[in-house]
Amino acid sequence: MKKSISLLLVVLFAFAALAGCSAEKATVSVKVVIDRGYDGIFDETLYEGDVEISGKNISVDAIINQLSTDGKITTEYTENANGDTVIKAINGNENKNEGVDPVVFYEWISAKNNSEVKGLWSDTLVADSWMCRNLLLSQRGAPFR
């Protein structure tokens, strides 16, 4: 059975409507869960809470790094075949098929207009979100390339 860790990021901006998407600070509600079987039922919650992060161009990767810096989650990194640094495990949980080599986290997957959208954590900015005030990203594992 496929085991994956999903990272749900709900970005809640506490600034006025006129401020637009370029807030200097954002409070991010984060839920890190284990999802076995890609059935939408989360089997275990590893972390749930808020993190405050600063900057005009906040990336999803920056949010993960802030959670790690704050000690709210632990992340292990490795390199893929292209030499990119990718997330190997969150809180000691690797994304892998049972009895098979682990796969690494380096993409997020979400939906926009009922179509799947993917991207690299490091390239994804909060300002790139379709709904600046309520961003929901679901992270899935991806194999080494």
Protein backbone atom coordinates (compact mmCIF):
# COMPACT_ATOMS: atom_id res chain seq x y z
CA MET A 1 0.00 0.00 0.00
CA LYS A 2 1.31 3.42 -0.90
CA LYS A 3 2.25 5.57 2.07
CA SER A 4 2.52 9.29 1.61
CA ILE A 5 2.83 12.31 3.79
CA SER A 6 0.66 15.21 2.83
CA LEU A 7 1.36 18.76 3.77
CA LEU A 8 -1.73 20.90 3.76
CA LEU A 9 -0.97 24.56 3.83
CA VAL A 10 -3.83 26.91 4.41
CA VAL A 11 -2.51 30.41 4.15
CA LEU A 12 -4.59 32.92 6.06
CA PHE A 13 -3.48 36.49 5.50
CA ALA A 14 -4.38 38.96 8.24
CA PHE A 15 -4.12 42.12 6.19
CA ALA A 16 -6.70 44.45 4.71
CA ALA A 17 -8.24 43.80 1.32
CA LEU A 18 -6.34 46.74 -0.16
CA ALA A 19 -3.00 45.22 0.78
CA GLY A 20 -3.34 42.60 -1.95
CA CYS A 21 -1.09 39.56 -2.12
CA SER A 22 2.20 41.21 -1.17
CA ALA A 23 1.92 41.07 2.63
CA GLU A 24 5.11 41.42 4.66
CA LYS A 25 3.93 38.85 7.21
CA ALA A 26 1.53 35.96 6.99
CA THR A 27 0.13 33.51 9.49
CA VAL A 28 0.09 30.05 7.94
CA SER A 29 -2.07 27.25 9.31
CA VAL A 30 -0.29 23.99 8.56
CA LYS A 31 -1.39 20.38 8.87
CA VAL A 32 1.13 17.59 8.24
CA VAL A 33 -0.55 14.22 7.85
CA ILE A 34 0.15 10.66 6.76
CA ASP A 35 -2.18 9.53 4.00
CA ARG A 36 -2.07 5.84 3.12
CA GLY A 37 -3.61 4.87 -0.18
CA TYR A 38 -4.32 8.32 -1.67
CA ASP A 39 -7.92 7.89 -0.58
CA GLY A 40 -8.28 11.33 0.97
CA ILE A 41 -8.56 9.85 4.47
CA PHE A 42 -5.70 11.04 6.64
CA ASP A 43 -4.45 8.17 8.80
CA GLU A 44 -2.28 10.16 11.20
CA THR A 45 -1.68 13.82 11.97
CA LEU A 46 2.00 14.59 12.58
CA TYR A 47 1.58 18.33 13.18
CA GLU A 48 -1.21 20.88 13.16
CA GLY A 49 -0.76 24.53 14.05
CA ASP A 50 0.17 28.03 12.92
CA VAL A 51 3.46 29.62 11.91
CA GLU A 52 4.16 33.30 11.29
CA ILE A 53 6.47 34.01 8.38
CA SER A 54 7.83 37.25 6.93
CA GLY A 55 8.76 38.37 3.45
CA LYS A 56 7.22 39.60 0.24
CA ASN A 57 7.90 36.44 -1.74
CA ILE A 58 7.13 33.64 0.70
CA SER A 59 7.74 30.21 -0.82
CA VAL A 60 6.22 26.95 0.30
CA ASP A 61 9.79 25.81 0.92
CA ALA A 62 10.31 28.79 3.24
CA ILE A 63 7.24 27.76 5.24
CA ILE A 64 8.61 24.22 5.63
CA ASN A 65 12.01 25.61 6.67
CA GLN A 66 10.36 27.91 9.24
CA LEU A 67 8.44 25.00 10.75
CA SER A 68 11.69 23.05 10.99
CA THR A 69 13.57 26.03 12.49
CA ASP A 70 10.81 26.48 15.08
CA GLY A 71 11.11 22.78 16.01
CA LYS A 72 7.53 22.07 14.96
CA ILE A 73 8.61 19.44 12.42
CA THR A 74 11.89 17.76 11.53
CA THR A 75 12.95 17.41 7.94
CA GLU A 76 15.65 15.29 6.34
CA TYR A 77 17.03 16.23 2.95
CA THR A 78 18.82 14.38 0.16
CA GLU A 79 19.79 15.05 -3.46
CA ASN A 80 17.99 13.68 -6.49
CA ALA A 81 19.67 12.58 -9.72
CA ASN A 82 19.64 16.17 -11.00
CA GLY A 83 21.53 17.40 -7.94
CA ASP A 84 18.50 19.22 -6.51
CA THR A 85 18.03 19.19 -2.74
CA VAL A 86 14.75 17.46 -1.93
CA ILE A 87 12.87 16.49 1.22
CA LYS A 88 13.50 12.84 2.09
CA ALA A 89 11.46 12.59 5.30
CA ILE A 90 9.23 14.63 7.59
CA ASN A 91 9.34 13.71 11.30
CA GLY A 92 11.23 10.55 10.37
CA ASN A 93 8.49 9.37 8.01
CA GLU A 94 9.73 8.57 4.52
CA ASN A 95 7.40 8.38 1.58
CA LYS A 96 7.78 4.86 0.21
CA ASN A 97 6.10 1.72 -0.97
CA GLU A 98 6.50 -1.09 1.54
CA GLY A 99 9.65 -3.06 0.74
CA VAL A 100 10.68 -0.64 -2.00
CA ASP A 101 13.24 2.15 -2.06
CA PRO A 102 11.88 5.40 -0.63
CA VAL A 103 10.75 8.24 -2.82
CA VAL A 104 11.40 11.86 -1.97
CA PHE A 105 9.29 14.94 -1.52
CA TYR A 106 9.97 17.72 -3.95
CA GLU A 107 6.67 18.56 -5.55
CA TRP A 108 3.36 19.90 -4.36
CA ILE A 109 0.15 18.89 -6.07
CA SER A 110 -3.06 20.86 -5.92
CA ALA A 111 -6.01 21.63 -8.14
CA LYS A 112 -6.94 24.70 -10.15
CA ASN A 113 -10.18 24.74 -12.10
CA ASN A 114 -10.53 20.97 -11.62
CA SER A 115 -7.11 20.33 -13.20
CA GLU A 116 -4.10 18.99 -11.34
CA VAL A 117 -1.28 21.49 -10.91
CA LYS A 118 2.26 20.54 -9.82
CA GLY A 119 5.35 22.49 -8.92
CA LEU A 120 8.61 22.38 -7.04
CA TRP A 121 8.44 23.42 -3.38
CA SER A 122 11.35 25.84 -3.88
CA ASP A 123 9.73 27.49 -6.91
CA THR A 124 6.27 27.95 -5.40
CA LEU A 125 5.51 31.36 -3.93
CA VAL A 126 2.52 32.17 -1.77
CA ALA A 127 1.94 35.16 -4.09
CA ASP A 128 1.57 32.68 -6.98
CA SER A 129 -1.50 31.18 -5.37
CA TRP A 130 -4.83 31.47 -7.12
CA MET A 131 -6.59 32.49 -3.93
CA CYS A 132 -4.12 34.69 -2.12
CA ARG A 133 -5.99 34.59 1.17
CA ASN A 134 -6.81 30.88 1.32
CA LEU A 135 -4.17 28.67 -0.27
CA LEU A 136 -4.49 24.92 0.02
CA LEU A 137 -1.61 22.78 -1.19
CA SER A 138 -1.51 19.02 -0.85
CA GLN A 139 1.98 17.56 -1.00
CA ARG A 140 2.65 14.08 -2.34
CA GLY A 141 5.84 12.15 -2.78
CA ALA A 142 7.61 11.84 -6.10
CA PRO A 143 10.25 9.34 -7.14
CA PHE A 144 13.92 10.04 -7.67
CA ARG A 145 14.62 11.16 -11.22
